Amino acid sequence: MSLQNKRIVLGITGSIAAYKSAVLTRLFIKKGAEVQIVITPAGKEFITPVTLSALSQKAVVSEFFTANNGTWHSHVDLGLWADAMIIAPATASTIGKMANGIADNMLITTYLSMKAPVFVAPAMDLDMFRHPSTKRNIDILRSYGNHIIEPTEGQLASHLEGKGRMQEPENIVTYIEDFFALKDE
């Protein structure tokens, strides 16, 4: 299967799993997709826009304006451009903002403007993932029509074992391919 000519907005948040986003970007491009990355300020603490830009061949969007020249990045245009939006990794904070419409960064405003299907790949510690507020926020996202790519069980950044590990990039790509294959039938 391929993602030939699919336009994907990849949202990256402040999680140690952000390193997997580099692999995810590369896999999407290998499958023929065009990838535009939108990263939160916290996400840039875990992986650099330079790395992501080199892989995607596009400037990474993080702020509403380009420093010093007044160029505006339109979250509305990204919402109209995309065939899909994938937020991977999605932290508990970002999931909470998405569920409650707290538009305090470029990623959330892009999500709120998105016309295409949205996929969310949570990544957090096991206690955060099973907290009632996180569960409620994920249920809210599902009720909005978002697709949740369930995290897996395994060793977490905290060195604890449990559910909260972001799905591997290859599995996320397969999930997106399967979605488009069913949609195109």
N, C-alpha and C. Protein backbone atom coordinates (compact mmCIF):
# COMPACT_ATOMS: atom_id res chain seq x y z
N MET A 1 0.84 -1.18 0.00
CA MET A 1 0.00 0.00 0.00
C MET A 1 0.88 1.24 0.00
N SER A 2 0.31 2.32 -0.46
CA SER A 2 1.07 3.57 -0.45
C SER A 2 0.18 4.71 0.01
N LEU A 3 0.83 5.80 0.28
CA LEU A 3 0.13 7.04 0.63
C LEU A 3 0.42 8.08 -0.43
N GLN A 4 0.57 7.59 -1.67
CA GLN A 4 0.94 8.44 -2.80
C GLN A 4 0.05 9.67 -2.88
N ASN A 5 0.68 10.83 -2.89
CA ASN A 5 0.01 12.14 -3.05
C ASN A 5 -0.90 12.52 -1.89
N LYS A 6 -0.83 11.80 -0.77
CA LYS A 6 -1.60 12.20 0.41
C LYS A 6 -0.84 13.33 1.10
N ARG A 7 -1.60 14.31 1.57
CA ARG A 7 -1.02 15.46 2.29
C ARG A 7 -1.31 15.27 3.77
N ILE A 8 -0.24 15.14 4.53
CA ILE A 8 -0.36 14.83 5.94
C ILE A 8 0.22 15.95 6.79
N VAL A 9 -0.57 16.42 7.75
CA VAL A 9 -0.05 17.30 8.78
C VAL A 9 0.34 16.41 9.96
N LEU A 10 1.61 16.46 10.33
CA LEU A 10 2.10 15.70 11.47
C LEU A 10 2.32 16.65 12.63
N GLY A 11 1.54 16.48 13.68
CA GLY A 11 1.68 17.29 14.88
C GLY A 11 2.56 16.58 15.88
N ILE A 12 3.53 17.31 16.43
CA ILE A 12 4.48 16.75 17.38
C ILE A 12 4.42 17.56 18.67
N THR A 13 4.30 16.86 19.80
CA THR A 13 4.19 17.52 21.09
C THR A 13 5.40 17.17 21.97
N GLY A 14 5.42 17.74 23.17
CA GLY A 14 6.56 17.61 24.07
C GLY A 14 6.62 16.31 24.83
N SER A 15 7.05 15.27 24.17
CA SER A 15 7.18 13.94 24.76
C SER A 15 8.51 13.36 24.32
N ILE A 16 9.08 12.52 25.16
CA ILE A 16 10.31 11.82 24.78
C ILE A 16 10.09 11.01 23.50
N ALA A 17 8.85 10.60 23.25
CA ALA A 17 8.55 9.82 22.04
C ALA A 17 8.66 10.66 20.76
N ALA A 18 8.92 11.96 20.88
CA ALA A 18 9.07 12.81 19.70
C ALA A 18 10.19 12.31 18.78
N TYR A 19 11.17 11.59 19.32
CA TYR A 19 12.23 11.07 18.46
C TYR A 19 11.65 10.12 17.41
N LYS A 20 10.54 9.46 17.72
CA LYS A 20 9.91 8.55 16.76
C LYS A 20 9.29 9.31 15.58
N SER A 21 9.04 10.59 15.77
CA SER A 21 8.43 11.40 14.71
C SER A 21 9.35 11.56 13.51
N ALA A 22 10.65 11.52 13.74
CA ALA A 22 11.60 11.58 12.63
C ALA A 22 11.43 10.35 11.74
N VAL A 23 11.34 9.19 12.36
CA VAL A 23 11.13 7.95 11.61
C VAL A 23 9.76 7.97 10.93
N LEU A 24 8.76 8.44 11.64
CA LEU A 24 7.41 8.52 11.08
C LEU A 24 7.38 9.41 9.84
N THR A 25 8.04 10.56 9.92
CA THR A 25 8.12 11.46 8.77
C THR A 25 8.75 10.77 7.58
N ARG A 26 9.87 10.12 7.83
CA ARG A 26 10.59 9.42 6.76
C ARG A 26 9.73 8.32 6.12
N LEU A 27 9.01 7.56 6.96
CA LEU A 27 8.16 6.49 6.43
C LEU A 27 7.02 7.05 5.59
N PHE A 28 6.38 8.12 6.05
CA PHE A 28 5.30 8.74 5.27
C PHE A 28 5.82 9.18 3.90
N ILE A 29 6.98 9.80 3.88
CA ILE A 29 7.54 10.30 2.62
C ILE A 29 7.92 9.14 1.70
N LYS A 30 8.47 8.08 2.29
CA LYS A 30 8.80 6.87 1.51
C LYS A 30 7.56 6.28 0.84
N LYS A 31 6.41 6.43 1.48
CA LYS A 31 5.15 5.91 0.95
C LYS A 31 4.50 6.88 -0.04
N GLY A 32 5.15 8.02 -0.31
CA GLY A 32 4.64 8.94 -1.32
C GLY A 32 3.87 10.12 -0.78
N ALA A 33 3.79 10.28 0.53
CA ALA A 33 3.04 11.39 1.12
C ALA A 33 3.87 12.67 1.16
N GLU A 34 3.17 13.77 1.22
CA GLU A 34 3.77 15.08 1.47
C GLU A 34 3.46 15.39 2.93
N VAL A 35 4.49 15.76 3.70
CA VAL A 35 4.32 15.94 5.14
C VAL A 35 4.63 17.38 5.54
N GLN A 36 3.69 17.98 6.23
CA GLN A 36 3.91 19.30 6.84
C GLN A 36 3.88 19.11 8.35
N ILE A 37 4.97 19.47 8.99
CA ILE A 37 5.06 19.28 10.44
C ILE A 37 4.68 20.56 11.17
N VAL A 38 3.85 20.38 12.20
CA VAL A 38 3.51 21.44 13.13
C VAL A 38 3.93 20.94 14.51
N ILE A 39 4.77 21.70 15.19
CA ILE A 39 5.32 21.26 16.46
C ILE A 39 5.02 22.27 17.56
N THR A 40 4.75 21.76 18.74
CA THR A 40 4.52 22.66 19.88
C THR A 40 5.87 23.18 20.38
N PRO A 41 5.84 24.29 21.12
CA PRO A 41 7.10 24.78 21.71
C PRO A 41 7.79 23.71 22.56
N ALA A 42 7.03 22.94 23.33
CA ALA A 42 7.62 21.88 24.15
C ALA A 42 8.20 20.77 23.27
N GLY A 43 7.58 20.51 22.13
CA GLY A 43 8.09 19.49 21.22
C GLY A 43 9.49 19.81 20.74
N LYS A 44 9.78 21.10 20.55
CA LYS A 44 11.11 21.52 20.09
C LYS A 44 12.19 21.27 21.13
N GLU A 45 11.79 20.99 22.37
CA GLU A 45 12.76 20.65 23.42
C GLU A 45 13.22 19.19 23.26
N PHE A 46 12.47 18.40 22.52
CA PHE A 46 12.78 16.98 22.37
C PHE A 46 13.37 16.62 21.01
N ILE A 47 13.00 17.36 19.97
CA ILE A 47 13.54 17.11 18.63
C ILE A 47 13.57 18.45 17.90
N THR A 48 14.61 18.66 17.11
CA THR A 48 14.78 19.99 16.51
C THR A 48 14.04 20.13 15.20
N PRO A 49 13.55 21.35 14.94
CA PRO A 49 12.94 21.62 13.64
C PRO A 49 13.91 21.40 12.47
N VAL A 50 15.20 21.58 12.70
CA VAL A 50 16.19 21.36 11.64
C VAL A 50 16.15 19.91 11.16
N THR A 51 16.12 18.98 12.10
CA THR A 51 16.05 17.55 11.74
C THR A 51 14.77 17.26 10.97
N LEU A 52 13.66 17.75 11.49
CA LEU A 52 12.36 17.47 10.88
C LEU A 52 12.23 18.12 9.51
N SER A 53 12.77 19.33 9.37
CA SER A 53 12.73 20.03 8.09
C SER A 53 13.57 19.31 7.04
N ALA A 54 14.71 18.80 7.46
CA ALA A 54 15.57 18.05 6.53
C ALA A 54 14.84 16.81 6.01
N LEU A 55 14.10 16.15 6.89
CA LEU A 55 13.38 14.93 6.50
C LEU A 55 12.15 15.23 5.65
N SER A 56 11.42 16.29 6.00
CA SER A 56 10.16 16.59 5.30
C SER A 56 10.36 17.48 4.08
N GLN A 57 11.52 18.12 3.99
CA GLN A 57 11.81 19.08 2.91
C GLN A 57 10.86 20.27 2.95
N LYS A 58 10.35 20.59 4.14
CA LYS A 58 9.46 21.74 4.35
C LYS A 58 9.86 22.41 5.65
N ALA A 59 9.68 23.71 5.70
CA ALA A 59 9.90 24.42 6.96
C ALA A 59 8.89 23.91 7.99
N VAL A 60 9.37 23.71 9.19
CA VAL A 60 8.52 23.25 10.29
C VAL A 60 7.77 24.46 10.85
N VAL A 61 6.47 24.29 11.08
CA VAL A 61 5.65 25.38 11.61
C VAL A 61 5.50 25.18 13.12
N SER A 62 5.78 26.24 13.87
CA SER A 62 5.64 26.18 15.31
C SER A 62 4.94 27.41 15.87
N GLU A 63 5.22 28.53 15.29
CA GLU A 63 4.66 29.79 15.79
C GLU A 63 3.67 30.33 14.78
N PHE A 64 2.84 31.25 15.23
CA PHE A 64 1.87 31.89 14.34
C PHE A 64 2.55 32.79 13.32
N PHE A 65 3.66 33.42 13.73
CA PHE A 65 4.37 34.35 12.87
C PHE A 65 5.83 33.94 12.75
N THR A 66 6.43 34.20 11.57
CA THR A 66 7.86 34.00 11.40
C THR A 66 8.56 35.18 12.07
N ALA A 67 9.58 34.89 12.84
CA ALA A 67 10.27 35.94 13.59
C ALA A 67 10.73 37.07 12.68
N ASN A 68 10.40 38.26 13.09
CA ASN A 68 10.92 39.51 12.52
C ASN A 68 10.45 39.90 11.13
N ASN A 69 9.76 39.03 10.40
CA ASN A 69 9.35 39.47 9.06
C ASN A 69 7.84 39.53 8.90
N GLY A 70 7.09 39.15 9.92
CA GLY A 70 5.64 39.29 9.87
C GLY A 70 4.91 38.26 9.05
N THR A 71 5.61 37.24 8.52
CA THR A 71 4.94 36.20 7.76
C THR A 71 4.05 35.40 8.71
N TRP A 72 2.80 35.22 8.31
CA TRP A 72 1.82 34.54 9.15
C TRP A 72 1.63 33.12 8.63
N HIS A 73 1.67 32.15 9.54
CA HIS A 73 1.38 30.76 9.19
C HIS A 73 -0.10 30.53 9.45
N SER A 74 -0.82 30.17 8.42
CA SER A 74 -2.27 30.03 8.53
C SER A 74 -2.67 28.61 8.92
N HIS A 75 -3.18 28.47 10.13
CA HIS A 75 -3.71 27.19 10.56
C HIS A 75 -4.94 26.81 9.73
N VAL A 76 -5.66 27.80 9.24
CA VAL A 76 -6.83 27.54 8.41
C VAL A 76 -6.40 26.92 7.08
N ASP A 77 -5.36 27.47 6.47
CA ASP A 77 -4.85 26.91 5.21
C ASP A 77 -4.40 25.47 5.39
N LEU A 78 -3.72 25.17 6.50
CA LEU A 78 -3.28 23.79 6.75
C LEU A 78 -4.48 22.87 6.91
N GLY A 79 -5.52 23.35 7.56
CA GLY A 79 -6.74 22.56 7.75
C GLY A 79 -7.43 22.23 6.45
N LEU A 80 -7.33 23.11 5.48
CA LEU A 80 -7.92 22.88 4.16
C LEU A 80 -7.01 22.04 3.26
N TRP A 81 -5.71 22.15 3.44
CA TRP A 81 -4.71 21.48 2.60
C TRP A 81 -4.65 19.98 2.84
N ALA A 82 -4.79 19.55 4.08
CA ALA A 82 -4.46 18.19 4.48
C ALA A 82 -5.50 17.14 4.09
N ASP A 83 -5.01 15.94 3.83
CA ASP A 83 -5.86 14.75 3.69
C ASP A 83 -6.01 14.04 5.04
N ALA A 84 -5.07 14.30 5.95
CA ALA A 84 -5.12 13.71 7.29
C ALA A 84 -4.20 14.51 8.20
N MET A 85 -4.54 14.49 9.48
CA MET A 85 -3.67 15.06 10.52
C MET A 85 -3.39 13.94 11.51
N ILE A 86 -2.12 13.79 11.86
CA ILE A 86 -1.70 12.80 12.83
C ILE A 86 -0.93 13.53 13.92
N ILE A 87 -1.35 13.35 15.16
CA ILE A 87 -0.62 13.94 16.27
C ILE A 87 0.08 12.80 16.99
N ALA A 88 1.40 12.77 16.80
CA ALA A 88 2.21 11.66 17.31
C ALA A 88 3.61 12.16 17.63
N PRO A 89 3.95 12.24 18.87
CA PRO A 89 3.23 11.83 20.06
C PRO A 89 2.21 12.88 20.50
N ALA A 90 1.17 12.40 21.16
CA ALA A 90 0.16 13.28 21.75
C ALA A 90 0.25 13.15 23.27
N THR A 91 0.66 14.22 23.92
CA THR A 91 0.79 14.22 25.38
C THR A 91 -0.58 14.38 26.03
N ALA A 92 -0.65 14.10 27.33
CA ALA A 92 -1.88 14.31 28.09
C ALA A 92 -2.29 15.78 28.02
N SER A 93 -1.33 16.68 28.07
CA SER A 93 -1.62 18.11 27.99
C SER A 93 -2.28 18.48 26.67
N THR A 94 -1.70 18.02 25.58
CA THR A 94 -2.26 18.33 24.26
C THR A 94 -3.62 17.69 24.08
N ILE A 95 -3.78 16.45 24.53
CA ILE A 95 -5.08 15.79 24.43
C ILE A 95 -6.13 16.58 25.20
N GLY A 96 -5.77 17.06 26.39
CA GLY A 96 -6.69 17.88 27.18
C GLY A 96 -7.06 19.17 26.48
N LYS A 97 -6.08 19.81 25.86
CA LYS A 97 -6.34 21.05 25.11
C LYS A 97 -7.24 20.78 23.91
N MET A 98 -6.99 19.69 23.21
CA MET A 98 -7.81 19.33 22.05
C MET A 98 -9.25 19.07 22.48
N ALA A 99 -9.42 18.34 23.57
CA ALA A 99 -10.76 17.97 24.04
C ALA A 99 -11.55 19.19 24.49
N ASN A 100 -10.84 20.21 24.97
CA ASN A 100 -11.51 21.37 25.53
C ASN A 100 -11.35 22.65 24.73
N GLY A 101 -10.78 22.55 23.53
CA GLY A 101 -10.68 23.71 22.65
C GLY A 101 -9.77 24.81 23.15
N ILE A 102 -8.73 24.46 23.87
CA ILE A 102 -7.79 25.46 24.39
C ILE A 102 -6.74 25.71 23.31
N ALA A 103 -6.94 26.77 22.56
CA ALA A 103 -6.14 27.05 21.36
C ALA A 103 -4.99 28.00 21.69
N ASP A 104 -4.02 27.51 22.46
CA ASP A 104 -2.93 28.38 22.88
C ASP A 104 -1.62 28.13 22.13
N ASN A 105 -1.65 27.31 21.09
CA ASN A 105 -0.46 27.12 20.25
C ASN A 105 -0.89 26.77 18.83
N MET A 106 0.07 26.79 17.94
CA MET A 106 -0.21 26.57 16.51
C MET A 106 -0.79 25.18 16.25
N LEU A 107 -0.33 24.19 16.99
CA LEU A 107 -0.84 22.82 16.78
C LEU A 107 -2.33 22.74 17.10
N ILE A 108 -2.75 23.30 18.21
CA ILE A 108 -4.16 23.21 18.59
C ILE A 108 -5.03 24.04 17.64
N THR A 109 -4.57 25.21 17.22
CA THR A 109 -5.39 25.99 16.28
C THR A 109 -5.49 25.26 14.94
N THR A 110 -4.43 24.57 14.54
CA THR A 110 -4.49 23.78 13.31
C THR A 110 -5.49 22.64 13.48
N TYR A 111 -5.43 21.96 14.61
CA TYR A 111 -6.39 20.88 14.89
C TYR A 111 -7.83 21.40 14.84
N LEU A 112 -8.08 22.53 15.46
CA LEU A 112 -9.44 23.07 15.51
C LEU A 112 -9.93 23.53 14.13
N SER A 113 -9.01 23.76 13.20
CA SER A 113 -9.36 24.17 11.84
C SER A 113 -9.35 23.01 10.85
N MET A 114 -9.02 21.82 11.30
CA MET A 114 -8.81 20.68 10.40
C MET A 114 -10.11 20.16 9.81
N LYS A 115 -10.13 20.04 8.49
CA LYS A 115 -11.28 19.49 7.76
C LYS A 115 -11.11 17.99 7.50
N ALA A 116 -9.87 17.51 7.57
CA ALA A 116 -9.55 16.11 7.28
C ALA A 116 -9.65 15.27 8.55
N PRO A 117 -9.64 13.94 8.40
CA PRO A 117 -9.64 13.06 9.57
C PRO A 117 -8.41 13.32 10.44
N VAL A 118 -8.60 13.19 11.75
CA VAL A 118 -7.52 13.41 12.71
C VAL A 118 -7.25 12.11 13.46
N PHE A 119 -5.97 11.77 13.55
CA PHE A 119 -5.50 10.57 14.25
C PHE A 119 -4.62 11.02 15.41
N VAL A 120 -4.81 10.39 16.56
CA VAL A 120 -4.10 10.79 17.77
C VAL A 120 -3.38 9.56 18.33
N ALA A 121 -2.07 9.68 18.52
CA ALA A 121 -1.25 8.59 19.06
C ALA A 121 -0.71 9.02 20.42
N PRO A 122 -1.44 8.70 21.50
CA PRO A 122 -1.00 9.10 22.83
C PRO A 122 0.36 8.52 23.21
N ALA A 123 1.08 9.30 24.02
CA ALA A 123 2.37 8.87 24.57
C ALA A 123 2.54 9.53 25.93
N MET A 124 2.54 8.71 26.97
CA MET A 124 2.71 9.26 28.32
C MET A 124 2.95 8.12 29.29
N ASP A 125 3.26 8.45 30.53
CA ASP A 125 3.48 7.45 31.55
C ASP A 125 2.18 6.72 31.86
N LEU A 126 2.29 5.50 32.37
CA LEU A 126 1.11 4.68 32.59
C LEU A 126 0.09 5.32 33.54
N ASP A 127 0.55 5.99 34.60
CA ASP A 127 -0.39 6.62 35.53
C ASP A 127 -1.13 7.78 34.87
N MET A 128 -0.44 8.52 34.04
CA MET A 128 -1.09 9.61 33.31
C MET A 128 -2.11 9.06 32.33
N PHE A 129 -1.74 7.98 31.63
CA PHE A 129 -2.65 7.41 30.64
C PHE A 129 -3.92 6.87 31.28
N ARG A 130 -3.80 6.25 32.44
CA ARG A 130 -5.00 5.66 33.05
C ARG A 130 -5.73 6.62 34.00
N HIS A 131 -5.25 7.85 34.12
CA HIS A 131 -5.93 8.83 34.98
C HIS A 131 -7.33 9.11 34.41
N PRO A 132 -8.33 9.25 35.28
CA PRO A 132 -9.69 9.49 34.80
C PRO A 132 -9.83 10.71 33.88
N SER A 133 -9.06 11.76 34.12
CA SER A 133 -9.19 12.94 33.25
C SER A 133 -8.65 12.64 31.84
N THR A 134 -7.58 11.87 31.76
CA THR A 134 -7.04 11.50 30.44
C THR A 134 -8.02 10.60 29.71
N LYS A 135 -8.56 9.62 30.42
CA LYS A 135 -9.55 8.73 29.80
C LYS A 135 -10.75 9.52 29.29
N ARG A 136 -11.23 10.46 30.10
CA ARG A 136 -12.37 11.29 29.69
C ARG A 136 -12.02 12.12 28.46
N ASN A 137 -10.83 12.72 28.46
CA ASN A 137 -10.43 13.54 27.31
C ASN A 137 -10.30 12.71 26.04
N ILE A 138 -9.79 11.49 26.15
CA ILE A 138 -9.70 10.61 24.97
C ILE A 138 -11.10 10.23 24.50
N ASP A 139 -12.00 9.95 25.44
CA ASP A 139 -13.39 9.66 25.07
C ASP A 139 -14.03 10.85 24.36
N ILE A 140 -13.74 12.05 24.83
CA ILE A 140 -14.26 13.26 24.18
C ILE A 140 -13.71 13.36 22.76
N LEU A 141 -12.41 13.11 22.59
CA LEU A 141 -11.83 13.16 21.25
C LEU A 141 -12.48 12.14 20.33
N ARG A 142 -12.72 10.93 20.83
CA ARG A 142 -13.43 9.92 20.04
C ARG A 142 -14.82 10.42 19.65
N SER A 143 -15.52 11.05 20.59
CA SER A 143 -16.88 11.53 20.32
C SER A 143 -16.88 12.62 19.25
N TYR A 144 -15.76 13.31 19.10
CA TYR A 144 -15.63 14.33 18.04
C TYR A 144 -15.30 13.71 16.68
N GLY A 145 -15.06 12.39 16.66
CA GLY A 145 -14.73 11.71 15.41
C GLY A 145 -13.25 11.47 15.19
N ASN A 146 -12.42 11.82 16.17
CA ASN A 146 -10.98 11.56 16.05
C ASN A 146 -10.72 10.06 16.17
N HIS A 147 -9.66 9.62 15.53
CA HIS A 147 -9.23 8.22 15.57
C HIS A 147 -8.08 8.11 16.57
N ILE A 148 -8.25 7.28 17.58
CA ILE A 148 -7.22 7.09 18.59
C ILE A 148 -6.39 5.86 18.24
N ILE A 149 -5.09 6.06 18.08
CA ILE A 149 -4.17 4.96 17.83
C ILE A 149 -3.61 4.57 19.20
N GLU A 150 -4.20 3.52 19.76
CA GLU A 150 -3.91 3.14 21.14
C GLU A 150 -2.42 2.93 21.39
N PRO A 151 -1.95 3.42 22.54
CA PRO A 151 -0.56 3.15 22.90
C PRO A 151 -0.38 1.68 23.26
N THR A 152 0.85 1.26 23.33
CA THR A 152 1.15 -0.12 23.66
C THR A 152 1.67 -0.22 25.09
N GLU A 153 1.82 -1.46 25.53
CA GLU A 153 2.43 -1.71 26.84
C GLU A 153 3.91 -1.97 26.62
N GLY A 154 4.70 -1.58 27.61
CA GLY A 154 6.13 -1.81 27.52
C GLY A 154 6.86 -0.89 28.48
N GLN A 155 8.17 -0.86 28.31
CA GLN A 155 8.97 0.01 29.18
C GLN A 155 8.78 1.46 28.74
N LEU A 156 8.53 2.31 29.71
CA LEU A 156 8.29 3.73 29.46
C LEU A 156 9.54 4.53 29.82
N ALA A 157 9.54 5.81 29.48
CA ALA A 157 10.69 6.67 29.78
C ALA A 157 10.99 6.70 31.27
N SER A 158 9.97 6.51 32.09
CA SER A 158 10.14 6.49 33.54
C SER A 158 10.81 5.21 34.03
N HIS A 159 11.01 4.27 33.14
CA HIS A 159 11.53 2.93 33.41
C HIS A 159 10.50 2.03 34.07
N LEU A 160 9.27 2.52 34.16
CA LEU A 160 8.18 1.67 34.62
C LEU A 160 7.65 0.88 33.43
N GLU A 161 6.94 -0.17 33.68
CA GLU A 161 6.32 -0.98 32.63
C GLU A 161 4.82 -0.75 32.66
N GLY A 162 4.23 -0.55 31.49
CA GLY A 162 2.78 -0.39 31.44
C GLY A 162 2.33 0.20 30.13
N LYS A 163 1.04 0.50 30.05
CA LYS A 163 0.45 1.05 28.83
C LYS A 163 0.66 2.56 28.81
N GLY A 164 1.12 3.05 27.67
CA GLY A 164 1.36 4.48 27.50
C GLY A 164 2.41 4.77 26.45
N ARG A 165 3.07 3.73 25.97
CA ARG A 165 4.09 3.85 24.93
C ARG A 165 3.45 4.15 23.59
N MET A 166 3.91 5.20 22.93
CA MET A 166 3.38 5.52 21.60
C MET A 166 3.60 4.34 20.67
N GLN A 167 2.60 4.07 19.84
CA GLN A 167 2.74 3.02 18.82
C GLN A 167 4.00 3.27 18.00
N GLU A 168 4.60 2.21 17.53
CA GLU A 168 5.78 2.34 16.68
C GLU A 168 5.39 2.99 15.35
N PRO A 169 6.31 3.78 14.78
CA PRO A 169 6.01 4.49 13.53
C PRO A 169 5.48 3.59 12.42
N GLU A 170 6.03 2.40 12.27
CA GLU A 170 5.57 1.48 11.22
C GLU A 170 4.10 1.12 11.42
N ASN A 171 3.69 0.93 12.67
CA ASN A 171 2.29 0.60 12.95
C ASN A 171 1.37 1.78 12.68
N ILE A 172 1.84 2.98 12.97
CA ILE A 172 1.04 4.18 12.69
C ILE A 172 0.83 4.33 11.19
N VAL A 173 1.89 4.13 10.42
CA VAL A 173 1.78 4.23 8.96
C VAL A 173 0.79 3.18 8.44
N THR A 174 0.88 1.96 8.93
CA THR A 174 -0.06 0.91 8.52
C THR A 174 -1.49 1.30 8.87
N TYR A 175 -1.70 1.85 10.04
CA TYR A 175 -3.04 2.29 10.48
C TYR A 175 -3.60 3.34 9.50
N ILE A 176 -2.76 4.29 9.11
CA ILE A 176 -3.19 5.36 8.18
C ILE A 176 -3.44 4.77 6.79
N GLU A 177 -2.56 3.89 6.34
CA GLU A 177 -2.77 3.23 5.04
C GLU A 177 -4.08 2.46 5.02
N ASP A 178 -4.34 1.69 6.09
CA ASP A 178 -5.57 0.91 6.16
C ASP A 178 -6.79 1.84 6.13
N PHE A 179 -6.70 2.97 6.81
CA PHE A 179 -7.81 3.93 6.82
C PHE A 179 -8.11 4.40 5.40
N PHE A 180 -7.07 4.80 4.67
CA PHE A 180 -7.29 5.30 3.30
C PHE A 180 -7.73 4.19 2.36
N ALA A 181 -7.24 2.96 2.56
CA ALA A 181 -7.64 1.84 1.72
C ALA A 181 -9.14 1.57 1.88
N LEU A 182 -9.63 1.60 3.12
CA LEU A 182 -11.06 1.39 3.37
C LEU A 182 -11.90 2.55 2.81
N LYS A 183 -11.37 3.74 2.96
CA LYS A 183 -12.08 4.95 2.50
C LYS A 183 -12.20 4.95 0.96
N ASP A 184 -11.15 4.44 0.30
CA ASP A 184 -11.13 4.46 -1.17
C ASP A 184 -11.89 3.31 -1.81
N GLU A 185 -12.36 2.36 -0.98
CA GLU A 185 -13.09 1.21 -1.55
C GLU A 185 -14.46 1.62 -2.03
